[in-house]
Protein backbone atom coordinates (compact mmCIF):
# COMPACT_ATOMS: atom_id res chain seq x y z
CA UNK A 1 0.00 0.00 0.00
CA UNK A 2 1.47 3.35 -1.01
CA UNK A 3 1.68 6.33 1.31
CA UNK A 4 -1.13 8.04 -0.60
CA UNK A 5 -3.33 4.94 -0.31
CA UNK A 6 -2.65 4.89 3.43
CA UNK A 7 -3.59 8.57 3.74
CA UNK A 8 -6.87 7.92 1.94
CA UNK A 9 -7.59 4.85 4.10
CA UNK A 10 -6.94 6.81 7.32
CA UNK A 11 -8.70 10.05 6.45
CA UNK A 12 -11.46 9.00 4.06
CA UNK A 13 -13.83 7.77 6.78
CA UNK A 14 -13.57 11.15 8.55
CA UNK A 15 -14.92 13.12 5.57
CA UNK A 16 -17.07 10.67 3.63
CA UNK A 17 -14.23 9.64 1.32
CA UNK A 18 -13.61 13.19 0.10
CA UNK A 19 -9.79 13.11 0.23
CA UNK A 20 -7.84 14.50 -2.73
CA UNK A 21 -4.18 15.04 -3.62
CA UNK A 22 -3.36 18.71 -4.28
CA UNK A 23 -6.87 20.10 -4.89
CA UNK A 24 -10.49 19.03 -4.78
CA UNK A 25 -12.78 19.10 -7.80
CA UNK A 26 -14.99 22.18 -8.10
CA UNK A 27 -18.27 21.81 -6.19
CA UNK A 28 -16.94 19.07 -3.88
CA UNK A 29 -19.31 18.81 -0.89
CA UNK A 30 -17.86 20.03 2.39
CA UNK A 31 -16.07 18.96 4.49
CA UNK A 32 -13.20 17.61 2.45
CA UNK A 33 -9.45 17.10 2.73
CA UNK A 34 -6.64 17.97 0.36
CA UNK A 35 -3.06 16.87 0.93
CA UNK A 36 0.44 17.17 -0.48
CA UNK A 37 3.31 14.75 0.05
CA UNK A 38 6.74 16.37 0.12
CA UNK A 39 9.28 13.57 -0.25
CA UNK A 40 12.29 13.54 2.00
CA UNK A 41 15.68 11.97 1.54
CA UNK A 42 15.72 8.21 1.71
CA UNK A 43 17.58 6.78 4.67
CA UNK A 44 20.93 5.07 4.09
CA UNK A 45 22.62 2.66 6.46
CA UNK A 46 26.29 3.10 7.36
CA UNK A 47 27.28 0.61 4.65
CA UNK A 48 25.52 2.77 2.03
CA UNK A 49 22.56 0.48 1.38
CA UNK A 50 19.12 2.03 1.25
CA UNK A 51 16.72 1.42 4.11
CA UNK A 52 13.19 0.32 3.30
CA UNK A 53 11.73 3.42 5.02
CA UNK A 54 11.42 6.98 3.80
CA UNK A 55 10.62 10.16 5.72
CA UNK A 56 8.24 12.61 4.11
CA UNK A 57 6.36 15.71 5.12
CA UNK A 58 2.63 15.46 4.52
CA UNK A 59 0.60 18.66 4.52
CA UNK A 60 -3.08 18.02 5.21
CA UNK A 61 -5.70 20.71 4.65
CA UNK A 62 -9.27 20.47 5.95
CA UNK A 63 -11.93 22.55 4.22
CA UNK A 64 -15.47 23.11 5.47
CA UNK A 65 -18.37 25.51 5.85
CA UNK A 66 -17.93 26.20 9.59
CA UNK A 67 -14.78 26.94 11.57
CA UNK A 68 -15.66 24.74 14.55
CA UNK A 69 -16.34 21.69 12.39
CA UNK A 70 -13.11 22.24 10.46
CA UNK A 71 -11.15 22.38 13.73
CA UNK A 72 -12.88 19.25 15.05
CA UNK A 73 -12.09 17.38 11.83
CA UNK A 74 -8.46 18.56 12.01
CA UNK A 75 -8.18 17.14 15.53
CA UNK A 76 -9.64 13.81 14.38
CA UNK A 77 -7.10 13.77 11.53
CA UNK A 78 -4.26 14.44 13.97
CA UNK A 79 -5.42 11.53 16.12
CA UNK A 80 -5.74 9.22 13.11
CA UNK A 81 -2.36 10.20 11.66
CA UNK A 82 -0.47 9.96 14.95
CA UNK A 83 -1.69 6.56 16.11
CA UNK A 84 1.17 4.08 15.46
CA UNK A 85 -0.12 1.30 13.29
CA UNK A 86 0.73 -1.26 10.70
CA UNK A 87 -1.45 -0.86 7.63
CA UNK A 88 -1.32 -4.20 5.80
CA UNK A 89 2.35 -4.82 5.06
CA UNK A 90 3.46 -1.19 5.26
CA UNK A 91 4.70 0.50 8.41
CA UNK A 92 3.30 3.97 8.90
CA UNK A 93 4.15 6.43 11.67
CA UNK A 94 3.46 10.16 11.85
CA UNK A 95 4.11 13.01 14.24
CA UNK A 96 2.69 16.53 13.91
CA UNK A 97 5.17 19.32 13.22
CA UNK A 98 2.98 21.66 15.27
CA UNK A 99 -0.06 21.00 17.40
CA UNK A 100 -3.54 22.41 17.07
CA UNK A 101 -4.97 24.68 19.74
CA UNK A 102 -6.87 22.90 22.48
CA UNK A 103 -10.66 22.85 21.91
CA UNK A 104 -11.25 25.64 24.42
CA UNK A 105 -8.58 27.91 22.91
CA UNK A 106 -9.68 30.06 19.96
CA UNK A 107 -12.59 27.72 19.25
CA UNK A 108 -15.18 30.37 18.61
CA UNK A 109 -17.61 30.22 15.76
CA UNK A 110 -17.13 32.94 13.19
CA UNK A 111 -19.72 34.35 10.83
CA UNK A 112 -19.99 32.54 7.54
CA UNK A 113 -17.02 33.24 5.32
CA UNK A 114 -17.95 35.23 2.20
CA UNK A 115 -16.50 32.46 0.04
CA UNK A 116 -18.27 29.79 2.14
CA UNK A 117 -15.04 28.06 3.10
CA UNK A 118 -12.89 27.78 6.22
CA UNK A 119 -9.67 25.78 6.30
CA UNK A 120 -6.84 24.46 8.43
CA UNK A 121 -3.34 23.32 7.53
CA UNK A 122 -1.39 20.65 9.40
CA UNK A 123 2.07 19.30 8.59
CA UNK A 124 3.13 15.81 9.65
CA UNK A 125 6.50 14.08 9.61
CA UNK A 126 5.73 10.63 8.24
CA UNK A 127 7.93 7.55 8.16
CA UNK A 128 6.62 4.88 5.83
CA UNK A 129 7.82 1.86 3.96
CA UNK A 130 8.78 2.57 0.36
C-alpha atoms as a PDB file:
ATOM      1  CA  UNK A   1       0.000   0.000   0.000  1.00  0.00           C
ATOM      2  CA  UNK A   2       1.471   3.352  -1.014  1.00  0.00           C
ATOM      3  CA  UNK A   3       1.677   6.327   1.312  1.00  0.00           C
ATOM      4  CA  UNK A   4      -1.135   8.044  -0.598  1.00  0.00           C
ATOM      5  CA  UNK A   5      -3.328   4.942  -0.314  1.00  0.00           C
ATOM      6  CA  UNK A   6      -2.654   4.894   3.426  1.00  0.00           C
ATOM      7  CA  UNK A   7      -3.588   8.569   3.745  1.00  0.00           C
ATOM      8  CA  UNK A   8      -6.866   7.922   1.941  1.00  0.00           C
ATOM      9  CA  UNK A   9      -7.590   4.853   4.104  1.00  0.00           C
ATOM     10  CA  UNK A  10      -6.940   6.806   7.321  1.00  0.00           C
ATOM     11  CA  UNK A  11      -8.702  10.051   6.450  1.00  0.00           C
ATOM     12  CA  UNK A  12     -11.459   8.998   4.057  1.00  0.00           C
ATOM     13  CA  UNK A  13     -13.835   7.771   6.780  1.00  0.00           C
ATOM     14  CA  UNK A  14     -13.574  11.146   8.552  1.00  0.00           C
ATOM     15  CA  UNK A  15     -14.919  13.125   5.574  1.00  0.00           C
ATOM     16  CA  UNK A  16     -17.072  10.674   3.632  1.00  0.00           C
ATOM     17  CA  UNK A  17     -14.229   9.636   1.322  1.00  0.00           C
ATOM     18  CA  UNK A  18     -13.611  13.187   0.096  1.00  0.00           C
ATOM     19  CA  UNK A  19      -9.789  13.113   0.230  1.00  0.00           C
ATOM     20  CA  UNK A  20      -7.841  14.502  -2.725  1.00  0.00           C
ATOM     21  CA  UNK A  21      -4.183  15.038  -3.620  1.00  0.00           C
ATOM     22  CA  UNK A  22      -3.364  18.706  -4.276  1.00  0.00           C
ATOM     23  CA  UNK A  23      -6.867  20.103  -4.887  1.00  0.00           C
ATOM     24  CA  UNK A  24     -10.488  19.031  -4.778  1.00  0.00           C
ATOM     25  CA  UNK A  25     -12.778  19.103  -7.804  1.00  0.00           C
ATOM     26  CA  UNK A  26     -14.991  22.177  -8.102  1.00  0.00           C
ATOM     27  CA  UNK A  27     -18.272  21.805  -6.193  1.00  0.00           C
ATOM     28  CA  UNK A  28     -16.937  19.068  -3.877  1.00  0.00           C
ATOM     29  CA  UNK A  29     -19.310  18.813  -0.892  1.00  0.00           C
ATOM     30  CA  UNK A  30     -17.858  20.031   2.394  1.00  0.00           C
ATOM     31  CA  UNK A  31     -16.069  18.958   4.493  1.00  0.00           C
ATOM     32  CA  UNK A  32     -13.196  17.609   2.453  1.00  0.00           C
ATOM     33  CA  UNK A  33      -9.449  17.101   2.731  1.00  0.00           C
ATOM     34  CA  UNK A  34      -6.639  17.967   0.358  1.00  0.00           C
ATOM     35  CA  UNK A  35      -3.056  16.875   0.929  1.00  0.00           C
ATOM     36  CA  UNK A  36       0.445  17.174  -0.483  1.00  0.00           C
ATOM     37  CA  UNK A  37       3.309  14.751   0.051  1.00  0.00           C
ATOM     38  CA  UNK A  38       6.741  16.372   0.118  1.00  0.00           C
ATOM     39  CA  UNK A  39       9.275  13.568  -0.252  1.00  0.00           C
ATOM     40  CA  UNK A  40      12.290  13.540   1.997  1.00  0.00           C
ATOM     41  CA  UNK A  41      15.676  11.968   1.541  1.00  0.00           C
ATOM     42  CA  UNK A  42      15.716   8.207   1.715  1.00  0.00           C
ATOM     43  CA  UNK A  43      17.581   6.780   4.665  1.00  0.00           C
ATOM     44  CA  UNK A  44      20.932   5.069   4.091  1.00  0.00           C
ATOM     45  CA  UNK A  45      22.622   2.661   6.461  1.00  0.00           C
ATOM     46  CA  UNK A  46      26.293   3.095   7.359  1.00  0.00           C
ATOM     47  CA  UNK A  47      27.276   0.614   4.654  1.00  0.00           C
ATOM     48  CA  UNK A  48      25.516   2.772   2.030  1.00  0.00           C
ATOM     49  CA  UNK A  49      22.557   0.480   1.380  1.00  0.00           C
ATOM     50  CA  UNK A  50      19.118   2.032   1.249  1.00  0.00           C
ATOM     51  CA  UNK A  51      16.716   1.425   4.112  1.00  0.00           C
ATOM     52  CA  UNK A  52      13.191   0.320   3.298  1.00  0.00           C
ATOM     53  CA  UNK A  53      11.728   3.417   5.020  1.00  0.00           C
ATOM     54  CA  UNK A  54      11.418   6.976   3.804  1.00  0.00           C
ATOM     55  CA  UNK A  55      10.625  10.156   5.724  1.00  0.00           C
ATOM     56  CA  UNK A  56       8.243  12.613   4.107  1.00  0.00           C
ATOM     57  CA  UNK A  57       6.358  15.711   5.122  1.00  0.00           C
ATOM     58  CA  UNK A  58       2.630  15.464   4.519  1.00  0.00           C
ATOM     59  CA  UNK A  59       0.595  18.665   4.516  1.00  0.00           C
ATOM     60  CA  UNK A  60      -3.083  18.022   5.209  1.00  0.00           C
ATOM     61  CA  UNK A  61      -5.701  20.706   4.652  1.00  0.00           C
ATOM     62  CA  UNK A  62      -9.269  20.469   5.952  1.00  0.00           C
ATOM     63  CA  UNK A  63     -11.933  22.553   4.217  1.00  0.00           C
ATOM     64  CA  UNK A  64     -15.473  23.108   5.465  1.00  0.00           C
ATOM     65  CA  UNK A  65     -18.370  25.510   5.853  1.00  0.00           C
ATOM     66  CA  UNK A  66     -17.928  26.196   9.594  1.00  0.00           C
ATOM     67  CA  UNK A  67     -14.776  26.944  11.566  1.00  0.00           C
ATOM     68  CA  UNK A  68     -15.661  24.740  14.546  1.00  0.00           C
ATOM     69  CA  UNK A  69     -16.343  21.688  12.395  1.00  0.00           C
ATOM     70  CA  UNK A  70     -13.106  22.243  10.460  1.00  0.00           C
ATOM     71  CA  UNK A  71     -11.146  22.383  13.734  1.00  0.00           C
ATOM     72  CA  UNK A  72     -12.880  19.250  15.047  1.00  0.00           C
ATOM     73  CA  UNK A  73     -12.088  17.378  11.829  1.00  0.00           C
ATOM     74  CA  UNK A  74      -8.464  18.557  12.006  1.00  0.00           C
ATOM     75  CA  UNK A  75      -8.179  17.136  15.530  1.00  0.00           C
ATOM     76  CA  UNK A  76      -9.644  13.812  14.382  1.00  0.00           C
ATOM     77  CA  UNK A  77      -7.104  13.766  11.535  1.00  0.00           C
ATOM     78  CA  UNK A  78      -4.262  14.440  13.965  1.00  0.00           C
ATOM     79  CA  UNK A  79      -5.419  11.534  16.117  1.00  0.00           C
ATOM     80  CA  UNK A  80      -5.739   9.218  13.109  1.00  0.00           C
ATOM     81  CA  UNK A  81      -2.364  10.201  11.661  1.00  0.00           C
ATOM     82  CA  UNK A  82      -0.472   9.958  14.947  1.00  0.00           C
ATOM     83  CA  UNK A  83      -1.686   6.560  16.106  1.00  0.00           C
ATOM     84  CA  UNK A  84       1.166   4.084  15.459  1.00  0.00           C
ATOM     85  CA  UNK A  85      -0.120   1.297  13.286  1.00  0.00           C
ATOM     86  CA  UNK A  86       0.732  -1.255  10.700  1.00  0.00           C
ATOM     87  CA  UNK A  87      -1.455  -0.856   7.627  1.00  0.00           C
ATOM     88  CA  UNK A  88      -1.324  -4.198   5.800  1.00  0.00           C
ATOM     89  CA  UNK A  89       2.350  -4.825   5.057  1.00  0.00           C
ATOM     90  CA  UNK A  90       3.460  -1.194   5.259  1.00  0.00           C
ATOM     91  CA  UNK A  91       4.703   0.496   8.414  1.00  0.00           C
ATOM     92  CA  UNK A  92       3.301   3.971   8.899  1.00  0.00           C
ATOM     93  CA  UNK A  93       4.146   6.426  11.675  1.00  0.00           C
ATOM     94  CA  UNK A  94       3.458  10.157  11.853  1.00  0.00           C
ATOM     95  CA  UNK A  95       4.107  13.011  14.243  1.00  0.00           C
ATOM     96  CA  UNK A  96       2.691  16.531  13.913  1.00  0.00           C
ATOM     97  CA  UNK A  97       5.172  19.319  13.219  1.00  0.00           C
ATOM     98  CA  UNK A  98       2.978  21.663  15.267  1.00  0.00           C
ATOM     99  CA  UNK A  99      -0.059  20.997  17.399  1.00  0.00           C
ATOM    100  CA  UNK A 100      -3.540  22.414  17.073  1.00  0.00           C
ATOM    101  CA  UNK A 101      -4.967  24.679  19.741  1.00  0.00           C
ATOM    102  CA  UNK A 102      -6.874  22.901  22.483  1.00  0.00           C
ATOM    103  CA  UNK A 103     -10.656  22.846  21.909  1.00  0.00           C
ATOM    104  CA  UNK A 104     -11.254  25.638  24.425  1.00  0.00           C
ATOM    105  CA  UNK A 105      -8.579  27.909  22.911  1.00  0.00           C
ATOM    106  CA  UNK A 106      -9.685  30.057  19.962  1.00  0.00           C
ATOM    107  CA  UNK A 107     -12.594  27.723  19.253  1.00  0.00           C
ATOM    108  CA  UNK A 108     -15.176  30.371  18.608  1.00  0.00           C
ATOM    109  CA  UNK A 109     -17.611  30.223  15.763  1.00  0.00           C
ATOM    110  CA  UNK A 110     -17.132  32.945  13.192  1.00  0.00           C
ATOM    111  CA  UNK A 111     -19.716  34.347  10.831  1.00  0.00           C
ATOM    112  CA  UNK A 112     -19.987  32.537   7.543  1.00  0.00           C
ATOM    113  CA  UNK A 113     -17.022  33.241   5.316  1.00  0.00           C
ATOM    114  CA  UNK A 114     -17.950  35.229   2.196  1.00  0.00           C
ATOM    115  CA  UNK A 115     -16.496  32.456   0.040  1.00  0.00           C
ATOM    116  CA  UNK A 116     -18.267  29.791   2.137  1.00  0.00           C
ATOM    117  CA  UNK A 117     -15.038  28.058   3.105  1.00  0.00           C
ATOM    118  CA  UNK A 118     -12.888  27.784   6.223  1.00  0.00           C
ATOM    119  CA  UNK A 119      -9.665  25.779   6.299  1.00  0.00           C
ATOM    120  CA  UNK A 120      -6.843  24.462   8.435  1.00  0.00           C
ATOM    121  CA  UNK A 121      -3.344  23.317   7.527  1.00  0.00           C
ATOM    122  CA  UNK A 122      -1.391  20.652   9.400  1.00  0.00           C
ATOM    123  CA  UNK A 123       2.072  19.305   8.593  1.00  0.00           C
ATOM    124  CA  UNK A 124       3.133  15.813   9.649  1.00  0.00           C
ATOM    125  CA  UNK A 125       6.503  14.077   9.610  1.00  0.00           C
ATOM    126  CA  UNK A 126       5.733  10.626   8.241  1.00  0.00           C
ATOM    127  CA  UNK A 127       7.928   7.548   8.163  1.00  0.00           C
ATOM    128  CA  UNK A 128       6.619   4.885   5.833  1.00  0.00           C
ATOM    129  CA  UNK A 129       7.819   1.865   3.960  1.00  0.00           C
ATOM    130  CA  UNK A 130       8.779   2.573   0.357  1.00  0.00           C
END
